[in-house]
Amino acid sequence: MNSFIETGAWCIAISLLIFACFINWRKATVSFIFIQLLTWPLGIFAVEYGALMYPVRFFSKLMSTSFTYEFIALPAIGTIYCMYFPQEQRMLVKALYIVAFPTALTLAEVILLKYTDLIRYIHWSWYLSWLTIGITLHLNYLFFRWFFKKENAHNSGGIHN
């Protein structure tokens, strides 16, 4: 079951990336690579520090962290987060968007924690996951907005330009 779930995560993440690249491959690539810059070392630090562990994972002989989550799934979701951020909406919509993503991801993580061997908390809790996911996603968005600031100033049409 663990391999089935992990393979499913790969399929969903790759589908999200293909979808994002059809919309704007350049913006999708920048977002995906930048969030990997955040998630990869933070994930390694959390595992090496002993906060959590991934007992069952792809590439288990190569690394102690989850390659699927830190390098594929979360960056793919972060890419969608950036590309569809409701920049032109009211503050309430933005706040709901900012809260919804880490909430959904943390809920999925808690379910995986309870029913699979894909993740184990040692000195960690769901609220730390929620907080770190939210911060990581939003830092990625802030970088994304900064990186494309000049382009967005010239093109008011959003992500499709």
N, C-alpha and C. Protein backbone atom coordinates (compact mmCIF):
# COMPACT_ATOMS: atom_id res chain seq x y z
N MET A 1 0.81 -1.20 0.00
CA MET A 1 0.00 0.00 0.00
C MET A 1 0.86 1.27 0.00
N ASN A 2 1.97 1.25 0.74
CA ASN A 2 2.85 2.42 0.79
C ASN A 2 3.37 2.80 -0.59
N SER A 3 3.82 1.81 -1.35
CA SER A 3 4.34 2.08 -2.70
C SER A 3 3.24 2.59 -3.62
N PHE A 4 2.04 2.06 -3.45
CA PHE A 4 0.91 2.51 -4.26
C PHE A 4 0.62 3.99 -4.00
N ILE A 5 0.63 4.39 -2.73
CA ILE A 5 0.37 5.79 -2.37
C ILE A 5 1.49 6.69 -2.90
N GLU A 6 2.72 6.25 -2.74
CA GLU A 6 3.84 7.05 -3.21
C GLU A 6 3.84 7.18 -4.73
N THR A 7 3.53 6.11 -5.43
CA THR A 7 3.43 6.16 -6.88
C THR A 7 2.29 7.09 -7.31
N GLY A 8 1.18 7.03 -6.60
CA GLY A 8 0.06 7.93 -6.87
C GLY A 8 0.45 9.39 -6.69
N ALA A 9 1.24 9.66 -5.66
CA ALA A 9 1.71 11.03 -5.43
C ALA A 9 2.56 11.51 -6.60
N TRP A 10 3.41 10.62 -7.12
CA TRP A 10 4.22 10.97 -8.30
C TRP A 10 3.32 11.29 -9.49
N CYS A 11 2.33 10.46 -9.72
CA CYS A 11 1.43 10.67 -10.87
C CYS A 11 0.68 11.99 -10.75
N ILE A 12 0.16 12.28 -9.56
CA ILE A 12 -0.56 13.53 -9.36
C ILE A 12 0.39 14.72 -9.52
N ALA A 13 1.57 14.65 -8.92
CA ALA A 13 2.53 15.76 -9.01
C ALA A 13 2.95 16.02 -10.45
N ILE A 14 3.25 14.97 -11.18
CA ILE A 14 3.66 15.14 -12.58
C ILE A 14 2.51 15.71 -13.40
N SER A 15 1.28 15.26 -13.13
CA SER A 15 0.11 15.81 -13.83
C SER A 15 -0.05 17.30 -13.54
N LEU A 16 0.13 17.69 -12.28
CA LEU A 16 0.05 19.11 -11.92
C LEU A 16 1.11 19.92 -12.66
N LEU A 17 2.31 19.37 -12.74
CA LEU A 17 3.40 20.09 -13.43
C LEU A 17 3.13 20.22 -14.93
N ILE A 18 2.63 19.17 -15.53
CA ILE A 18 2.29 19.24 -16.96
C ILE A 18 1.22 20.29 -17.18
N PHE A 19 0.21 20.27 -16.33
CA PHE A 19 -0.87 21.27 -16.41
C PHE A 19 -0.31 22.68 -16.26
N ALA A 20 0.54 22.88 -15.26
CA ALA A 20 1.12 24.21 -15.03
C ALA A 20 1.99 24.64 -16.21
N CYS A 21 2.72 23.71 -16.78
CA CYS A 21 3.59 24.04 -17.91
C CYS A 21 2.79 24.40 -19.16
N PHE A 22 1.61 23.82 -19.33
CA PHE A 22 0.76 24.20 -20.45
C PHE A 22 0.31 25.65 -20.32
N ILE A 23 0.10 26.09 -19.09
CA ILE A 23 -0.34 27.46 -18.86
C ILE A 23 0.81 28.43 -19.10
N ASN A 24 1.94 28.16 -18.45
CA ASN A 24 3.11 29.03 -18.62
C ASN A 24 4.33 28.25 -18.12
N TRP A 25 5.03 27.62 -19.02
CA TRP A 25 6.13 26.74 -18.64
C TRP A 25 7.25 27.48 -17.91
N ARG A 26 7.49 28.73 -18.28
CA ARG A 26 8.57 29.49 -17.65
C ARG A 26 8.25 29.81 -16.19
N LYS A 27 7.05 30.25 -15.93
CA LYS A 27 6.65 30.54 -14.55
C LYS A 27 6.58 29.26 -13.72
N ALA A 28 6.09 28.20 -14.32
CA ALA A 28 6.02 26.92 -13.60
C ALA A 28 7.41 26.43 -13.23
N THR A 29 8.35 26.55 -14.15
CA THR A 29 9.72 26.09 -13.90
C THR A 29 10.39 26.89 -12.80
N VAL A 30 10.26 28.20 -12.84
CA VAL A 30 10.87 29.05 -11.82
C VAL A 30 10.30 28.71 -10.45
N SER A 31 9.00 28.59 -10.34
CA SER A 31 8.37 28.27 -9.06
C SER A 31 8.80 26.90 -8.57
N PHE A 32 8.80 25.91 -9.43
CA PHE A 32 9.15 24.54 -9.06
C PHE A 32 10.59 24.45 -8.56
N ILE A 33 11.50 25.09 -9.26
CA ILE A 33 12.91 25.01 -8.87
C ILE A 33 13.16 25.81 -7.59
N PHE A 34 12.53 26.96 -7.44
CA PHE A 34 12.79 27.75 -6.23
C PHE A 34 12.25 27.03 -4.98
N ILE A 35 11.08 26.45 -5.06
CA ILE A 35 10.56 25.79 -3.86
C ILE A 35 11.39 24.55 -3.52
N GLN A 36 11.97 23.91 -4.53
CA GLN A 36 12.89 22.80 -4.24
C GLN A 36 14.11 23.30 -3.46
N LEU A 37 14.54 24.49 -3.77
CA LEU A 37 15.65 25.10 -3.04
C LEU A 37 15.32 25.24 -1.56
N LEU A 38 14.05 25.43 -1.24
CA LEU A 38 13.62 25.53 0.14
C LEU A 38 13.37 24.16 0.77
N THR A 39 12.61 23.32 0.08
CA THR A 39 12.15 22.07 0.70
C THR A 39 13.26 21.04 0.86
N TRP A 40 14.15 20.99 -0.08
CA TRP A 40 15.20 19.96 -0.04
C TRP A 40 16.07 20.08 1.21
N PRO A 41 16.73 21.21 1.47
CA PRO A 41 17.56 21.29 2.68
C PRO A 41 16.74 21.27 3.97
N LEU A 42 15.56 21.88 3.97
CA LEU A 42 14.73 21.86 5.18
C LEU A 42 14.28 20.44 5.52
N GLY A 43 13.93 19.66 4.50
CA GLY A 43 13.53 18.27 4.73
C GLY A 43 14.68 17.43 5.26
N ILE A 44 15.85 17.62 4.69
CA ILE A 44 17.03 16.88 5.16
C ILE A 44 17.35 17.28 6.60
N PHE A 45 17.27 18.56 6.90
CA PHE A 45 17.55 19.03 8.26
C PHE A 45 16.57 18.42 9.26
N ALA A 46 15.29 18.40 8.94
CA ALA A 46 14.28 17.86 9.86
C ALA A 46 14.52 16.38 10.14
N VAL A 47 14.91 15.63 9.13
CA VAL A 47 15.16 14.19 9.32
C VAL A 47 16.46 13.97 10.07
N GLU A 48 17.51 14.67 9.67
CA GLU A 48 18.81 14.49 10.33
C GLU A 48 18.79 14.98 11.77
N TYR A 49 18.01 15.98 12.06
CA TYR A 49 17.87 16.50 13.41
C TYR A 49 17.06 15.54 14.29
N GLY A 50 16.32 14.64 13.67
CA GLY A 50 15.54 13.65 14.41
C GLY A 50 14.12 14.09 14.72
N ALA A 51 13.63 15.07 14.00
CA ALA A 51 12.26 15.55 14.25
C ALA A 51 11.22 14.60 13.67
N LEU A 52 11.53 14.02 12.54
CA LEU A 52 10.62 13.05 11.91
C LEU A 52 11.43 12.08 11.07
N MET A 53 10.76 11.04 10.60
CA MET A 53 11.44 10.07 9.75
C MET A 53 10.47 9.54 8.71
N TYR A 54 11.04 9.02 7.66
CA TYR A 54 10.29 8.42 6.57
C TYR A 54 10.71 6.95 6.47
N PRO A 55 10.06 6.05 7.24
CA PRO A 55 10.50 4.65 7.26
C PRO A 55 10.44 3.95 5.90
N VAL A 56 9.40 4.24 5.12
CA VAL A 56 9.25 3.65 3.79
C VAL A 56 9.27 4.78 2.79
N ARG A 57 10.21 4.70 1.82
CA ARG A 57 10.33 5.78 0.84
C ARG A 57 11.08 5.28 -0.39
N PHE A 58 10.85 5.96 -1.49
CA PHE A 58 11.64 5.69 -2.69
C PHE A 58 13.07 6.20 -2.45
N PHE A 59 14.04 5.55 -3.04
CA PHE A 59 15.45 5.92 -2.95
C PHE A 59 15.97 5.89 -1.51
N SER A 60 15.53 4.91 -0.75
CA SER A 60 15.87 4.86 0.68
C SER A 60 17.37 4.66 0.93
N LYS A 61 18.09 4.08 -0.01
CA LYS A 61 19.53 3.90 0.17
C LYS A 61 20.31 5.18 -0.14
N LEU A 62 19.69 6.12 -0.81
CA LEU A 62 20.36 7.36 -1.21
C LEU A 62 20.18 8.50 -0.23
N MET A 63 19.02 8.55 0.42
CA MET A 63 18.73 9.68 1.30
C MET A 63 17.76 9.28 2.40
N SER A 64 17.79 10.03 3.49
CA SER A 64 16.94 9.72 4.62
C SER A 64 15.60 10.45 4.58
N THR A 65 15.47 11.43 3.72
CA THR A 65 14.22 12.17 3.60
C THR A 65 13.37 11.60 2.47
N SER A 66 12.16 12.07 2.35
CA SER A 66 11.25 11.59 1.31
C SER A 66 11.49 12.37 0.02
N PHE A 67 12.09 11.72 -0.94
CA PHE A 67 12.32 12.34 -2.24
C PHE A 67 10.98 12.74 -2.87
N THR A 68 10.01 11.86 -2.74
CA THR A 68 8.70 12.11 -3.33
C THR A 68 8.07 13.39 -2.79
N TYR A 69 8.09 13.54 -1.48
CA TYR A 69 7.43 14.70 -0.88
C TYR A 69 8.26 15.98 -1.05
N GLU A 70 9.52 15.94 -0.68
CA GLU A 70 10.33 17.15 -0.64
C GLU A 70 10.76 17.65 -2.03
N PHE A 71 10.90 16.75 -2.96
CA PHE A 71 11.46 17.13 -4.25
C PHE A 71 10.46 17.12 -5.40
N ILE A 72 9.33 16.42 -5.22
CA ILE A 72 8.35 16.32 -6.31
C ILE A 72 6.98 16.85 -5.91
N ALA A 73 6.37 16.25 -4.88
CA ALA A 73 4.97 16.57 -4.54
C ALA A 73 4.79 18.00 -4.03
N LEU A 74 5.51 18.37 -2.97
CA LEU A 74 5.35 19.72 -2.43
C LEU A 74 5.75 20.80 -3.44
N PRO A 75 6.85 20.64 -4.18
CA PRO A 75 7.16 21.64 -5.21
C PRO A 75 6.08 21.75 -6.30
N ALA A 76 5.48 20.64 -6.68
CA ALA A 76 4.42 20.69 -7.70
C ALA A 76 3.21 21.44 -7.15
N ILE A 77 2.84 21.17 -5.91
CA ILE A 77 1.72 21.88 -5.30
C ILE A 77 2.07 23.35 -5.10
N GLY A 78 3.31 23.63 -4.73
CA GLY A 78 3.76 25.01 -4.59
C GLY A 78 3.70 25.78 -5.90
N THR A 79 3.94 25.09 -6.98
CA THR A 79 3.85 25.72 -8.30
C THR A 79 2.41 26.13 -8.59
N ILE A 80 1.47 25.24 -8.32
CA ILE A 80 0.05 25.57 -8.50
C ILE A 80 -0.35 26.71 -7.57
N TYR A 81 0.13 26.67 -6.33
CA TYR A 81 -0.14 27.73 -5.35
C TYR A 81 0.27 29.09 -5.93
N CYS A 82 1.45 29.17 -6.49
CA CYS A 82 1.94 30.44 -7.05
C CYS A 82 1.15 30.88 -8.27
N MET A 83 0.91 29.96 -9.16
CA MET A 83 0.32 30.33 -10.44
C MET A 83 -1.16 30.70 -10.32
N TYR A 84 -1.81 30.24 -9.28
CA TYR A 84 -3.23 30.55 -9.11
C TYR A 84 -3.53 31.39 -7.88
N PHE A 85 -2.50 31.99 -7.31
CA PHE A 85 -2.74 32.84 -6.15
C PHE A 85 -3.72 33.94 -6.52
N PRO A 86 -4.76 34.17 -5.71
CA PRO A 86 -5.80 35.15 -6.07
C PRO A 86 -5.37 36.59 -5.79
N GLN A 87 -4.38 37.05 -6.50
CA GLN A 87 -3.77 38.36 -6.27
C GLN A 87 -4.77 39.51 -6.37
N GLU A 88 -5.70 39.41 -7.26
CA GLU A 88 -6.65 40.50 -7.50
C GLU A 88 -7.90 40.39 -6.64
N GLN A 89 -7.96 39.43 -5.76
CA GLN A 89 -9.15 39.22 -4.93
C GLN A 89 -9.07 40.00 -3.62
N ARG A 90 -10.18 39.98 -2.89
CA ARG A 90 -10.23 40.63 -1.58
C ARG A 90 -9.32 39.90 -0.60
N MET A 91 -8.98 40.58 0.49
CA MET A 91 -8.09 40.03 1.51
C MET A 91 -8.64 38.72 2.10
N LEU A 92 -9.93 38.62 2.27
CA LEU A 92 -10.53 37.41 2.83
C LEU A 92 -10.27 36.21 1.92
N VAL A 93 -10.40 36.39 0.63
CA VAL A 93 -10.15 35.31 -0.32
C VAL A 93 -8.68 34.90 -0.28
N LYS A 94 -7.80 35.89 -0.22
CA LYS A 94 -6.36 35.60 -0.13
C LYS A 94 -6.05 34.83 1.16
N ALA A 95 -6.63 35.27 2.28
CA ALA A 95 -6.38 34.60 3.55
C ALA A 95 -6.88 33.15 3.52
N LEU A 96 -8.04 32.94 2.96
CA LEU A 96 -8.56 31.56 2.84
C LEU A 96 -7.66 30.70 1.97
N TYR A 97 -7.17 31.27 0.89
CA TYR A 97 -6.26 30.56 -0.01
C TYR A 97 -4.97 30.19 0.73
N ILE A 98 -4.42 31.16 1.46
CA ILE A 98 -3.17 30.94 2.20
C ILE A 98 -3.33 29.86 3.26
N VAL A 99 -4.50 29.79 3.89
CA VAL A 99 -4.77 28.80 4.94
C VAL A 99 -5.16 27.44 4.34
N ALA A 100 -5.86 27.43 3.22
CA ALA A 100 -6.38 26.19 2.65
C ALA A 100 -5.28 25.22 2.22
N PHE A 101 -4.24 25.72 1.59
CA PHE A 101 -3.19 24.83 1.09
C PHE A 101 -2.47 24.08 2.21
N PRO A 102 -1.91 24.76 3.21
CA PRO A 102 -1.25 24.00 4.27
C PRO A 102 -2.22 23.12 5.07
N THR A 103 -3.47 23.55 5.18
CA THR A 103 -4.46 22.73 5.88
C THR A 103 -4.71 21.43 5.15
N ALA A 104 -4.92 21.50 3.85
CA ALA A 104 -5.15 20.28 3.06
C ALA A 104 -3.93 19.37 3.08
N LEU A 105 -2.74 19.93 2.93
CA LEU A 105 -1.52 19.12 2.93
C LEU A 105 -1.26 18.50 4.30
N THR A 106 -1.51 19.25 5.36
CA THR A 106 -1.30 18.72 6.70
C THR A 106 -2.33 17.64 7.02
N LEU A 107 -3.55 17.82 6.60
CA LEU A 107 -4.57 16.79 6.79
C LEU A 107 -4.16 15.50 6.08
N ALA A 108 -3.68 15.62 4.85
CA ALA A 108 -3.21 14.44 4.13
C ALA A 108 -2.03 13.79 4.86
N GLU A 109 -1.13 14.61 5.38
CA GLU A 109 0.02 14.08 6.11
C GLU A 109 -0.41 13.33 7.38
N VAL A 110 -1.37 13.87 8.10
CA VAL A 110 -1.85 13.22 9.32
C VAL A 110 -2.51 11.88 8.98
N ILE A 111 -3.23 11.82 7.89
CA ILE A 111 -3.83 10.55 7.45
C ILE A 111 -2.73 9.55 7.10
N LEU A 112 -1.71 10.00 6.38
CA LEU A 112 -0.58 9.12 6.06
C LEU A 112 0.15 8.67 7.33
N LEU A 113 0.27 9.56 8.28
CA LEU A 113 0.91 9.25 9.56
C LEU A 113 0.16 8.14 10.29
N LYS A 114 -1.14 8.22 10.26
CA LYS A 114 -1.96 7.27 11.00
C LYS A 114 -2.08 5.91 10.31
N TYR A 115 -2.17 5.90 8.99
CA TYR A 115 -2.51 4.66 8.29
C TYR A 115 -1.40 4.05 7.45
N THR A 116 -0.23 4.69 7.36
CA THR A 116 0.86 4.14 6.54
C THR A 116 2.17 4.20 7.30
N ASP A 117 3.22 3.68 6.66
CA ASP A 117 4.57 3.78 7.19
C ASP A 117 5.39 4.81 6.43
N LEU A 118 4.74 5.72 5.75
CA LEU A 118 5.45 6.70 4.94
C LEU A 118 6.08 7.81 5.77
N ILE A 119 5.52 8.09 6.94
CA ILE A 119 6.06 9.16 7.79
C ILE A 119 5.82 8.81 9.26
N ARG A 120 6.75 9.20 10.09
CA ARG A 120 6.65 9.05 11.55
C ARG A 120 7.14 10.33 12.21
N TYR A 121 6.34 10.86 13.13
CA TYR A 121 6.77 12.01 13.92
C TYR A 121 7.57 11.52 15.12
N ILE A 122 8.70 12.13 15.37
CA ILE A 122 9.51 11.83 16.55
C ILE A 122 9.42 13.02 17.50
N HIS A 123 9.97 14.15 17.08
CA HIS A 123 9.85 15.41 17.82
C HIS A 123 9.18 16.42 16.90
N TRP A 124 8.00 16.10 16.46
CA TRP A 124 7.29 16.88 15.46
C TRP A 124 5.82 16.79 15.76
N SER A 125 5.04 17.67 15.20
CA SER A 125 3.60 17.65 15.37
C SER A 125 2.93 18.19 14.12
N TRP A 126 1.64 17.94 14.00
CA TRP A 126 0.91 18.40 12.81
C TRP A 126 0.97 19.91 12.68
N TYR A 127 0.94 20.66 13.79
CA TYR A 127 0.95 22.11 13.69
C TYR A 127 2.30 22.64 13.19
N LEU A 128 3.40 21.91 13.46
CA LEU A 128 4.69 22.30 12.87
C LEU A 128 4.68 22.06 11.37
N SER A 129 4.06 20.97 10.95
CA SER A 129 3.91 20.73 9.51
C SER A 129 3.10 21.84 8.87
N TRP A 130 1.97 22.16 9.49
CA TRP A 130 1.11 23.21 8.95
C TRP A 130 1.87 24.53 8.81
N LEU A 131 2.59 24.87 9.85
CA LEU A 131 3.34 26.12 9.87
C LEU A 131 4.46 26.13 8.82
N THR A 132 5.26 25.08 8.78
CA THR A 132 6.37 25.05 7.83
C THR A 132 5.89 24.96 6.38
N ILE A 133 4.82 24.22 6.15
CA ILE A 133 4.27 24.16 4.79
C ILE A 133 3.74 25.53 4.37
N GLY A 134 3.00 26.17 5.26
CA GLY A 134 2.45 27.50 4.94
C GLY A 134 3.54 28.52 4.67
N ILE A 135 4.56 28.53 5.50
CA ILE A 135 5.67 29.48 5.32
C ILE A 135 6.41 29.18 4.01
N THR A 136 6.68 27.92 3.76
CA THR A 136 7.39 27.54 2.54
C THR A 136 6.61 27.92 1.29
N LEU A 137 5.32 27.61 1.28
CA LEU A 137 4.50 27.96 0.11
C LEU A 137 4.47 29.47 -0.10
N HIS A 138 4.32 30.22 0.98
CA HIS A 138 4.20 31.66 0.81
C HIS A 138 5.54 32.32 0.48
N LEU A 139 6.63 31.81 1.03
CA LEU A 139 7.95 32.32 0.62
C LEU A 139 8.17 32.09 -0.86
N ASN A 140 7.76 30.92 -1.33
CA ASN A 140 7.87 30.62 -2.75
C ASN A 140 7.04 31.61 -3.56
N TYR A 141 5.83 31.90 -3.10
CA TYR A 141 4.98 32.86 -3.80
C TYR A 141 5.59 34.26 -3.82
N LEU A 142 6.15 34.69 -2.68
CA LEU A 142 6.77 36.01 -2.62
C LEU A 142 7.95 36.12 -3.58
N PHE A 143 8.76 35.06 -3.64
CA PHE A 143 9.86 35.05 -4.61
C PHE A 143 9.31 35.08 -6.03
N PHE A 144 8.31 34.28 -6.31
CA PHE A 144 7.67 34.20 -7.62
C PHE A 144 7.17 35.58 -8.05
N ARG A 145 6.48 36.27 -7.15
CA ARG A 145 5.96 37.60 -7.44
C ARG A 145 7.10 38.59 -7.69
N TRP A 146 8.14 38.52 -6.87
CA TRP A 146 9.28 39.41 -7.05
C TRP A 146 10.00 39.12 -8.38
N PHE A 147 10.20 37.85 -8.69
CA PHE A 147 10.94 37.46 -9.88
C PHE A 147 10.23 37.95 -11.16
N PHE A 148 8.91 37.87 -11.16
CA PHE A 148 8.14 38.26 -12.35
C PHE A 148 7.51 39.65 -12.22
N LYS A 149 8.01 40.47 -11.30
CA LYS A 149 7.43 41.78 -11.04
C LYS A 149 7.43 42.66 -12.29
N LYS A 150 8.55 42.77 -12.97
CA LYS A 150 8.62 43.64 -14.16
C LYS A 150 7.71 43.12 -15.26
N GLU A 151 7.69 41.82 -15.45
CA GLU A 151 6.83 41.24 -16.48
C GLU A 151 5.36 41.49 -16.15
N ASN A 152 4.99 41.32 -14.89
CA ASN A 152 3.60 41.52 -14.49
C ASN A 152 3.20 42.98 -14.59
N ALA A 153 4.15 43.90 -14.43
CA ALA A 153 3.84 45.33 -14.56
C ALA A 153 3.51 45.69 -16.01
N HIS A 154 4.15 45.00 -16.95
CA HIS A 154 3.91 45.26 -18.37
C HIS A 154 2.70 44.50 -18.90
N ASN A 155 2.44 43.33 -18.33
CA ASN A 155 1.34 42.49 -18.78
C ASN A 155 0.33 42.38 -17.64
N SER A 156 -0.79 42.98 -17.80
CA SER A 156 -1.78 42.94 -16.74
C SER A 156 -2.72 41.76 -16.88
N GLY A 157 -2.45 40.86 -17.79
CA GLY A 157 -3.35 39.75 -18.06
C GLY A 157 -3.16 38.54 -17.18
N GLY A 158 -2.26 38.54 -16.21
CA GLY A 158 -2.12 37.42 -15.29
C GLY A 158 -1.15 36.36 -15.78
N ILE A 159 -1.37 35.14 -15.34
CA ILE A 159 -0.43 34.06 -15.58
C ILE A 159 -0.41 33.58 -17.00
N HIS A 160 -1.42 33.90 -17.78
CA HIS A 160 -1.50 33.36 -19.14
C HIS A 160 -0.62 34.10 -20.14
N ASN A 161 -0.01 35.17 -19.74
CA ASN A 161 0.84 35.93 -20.66
C ASN A 161 2.20 35.34 -20.77
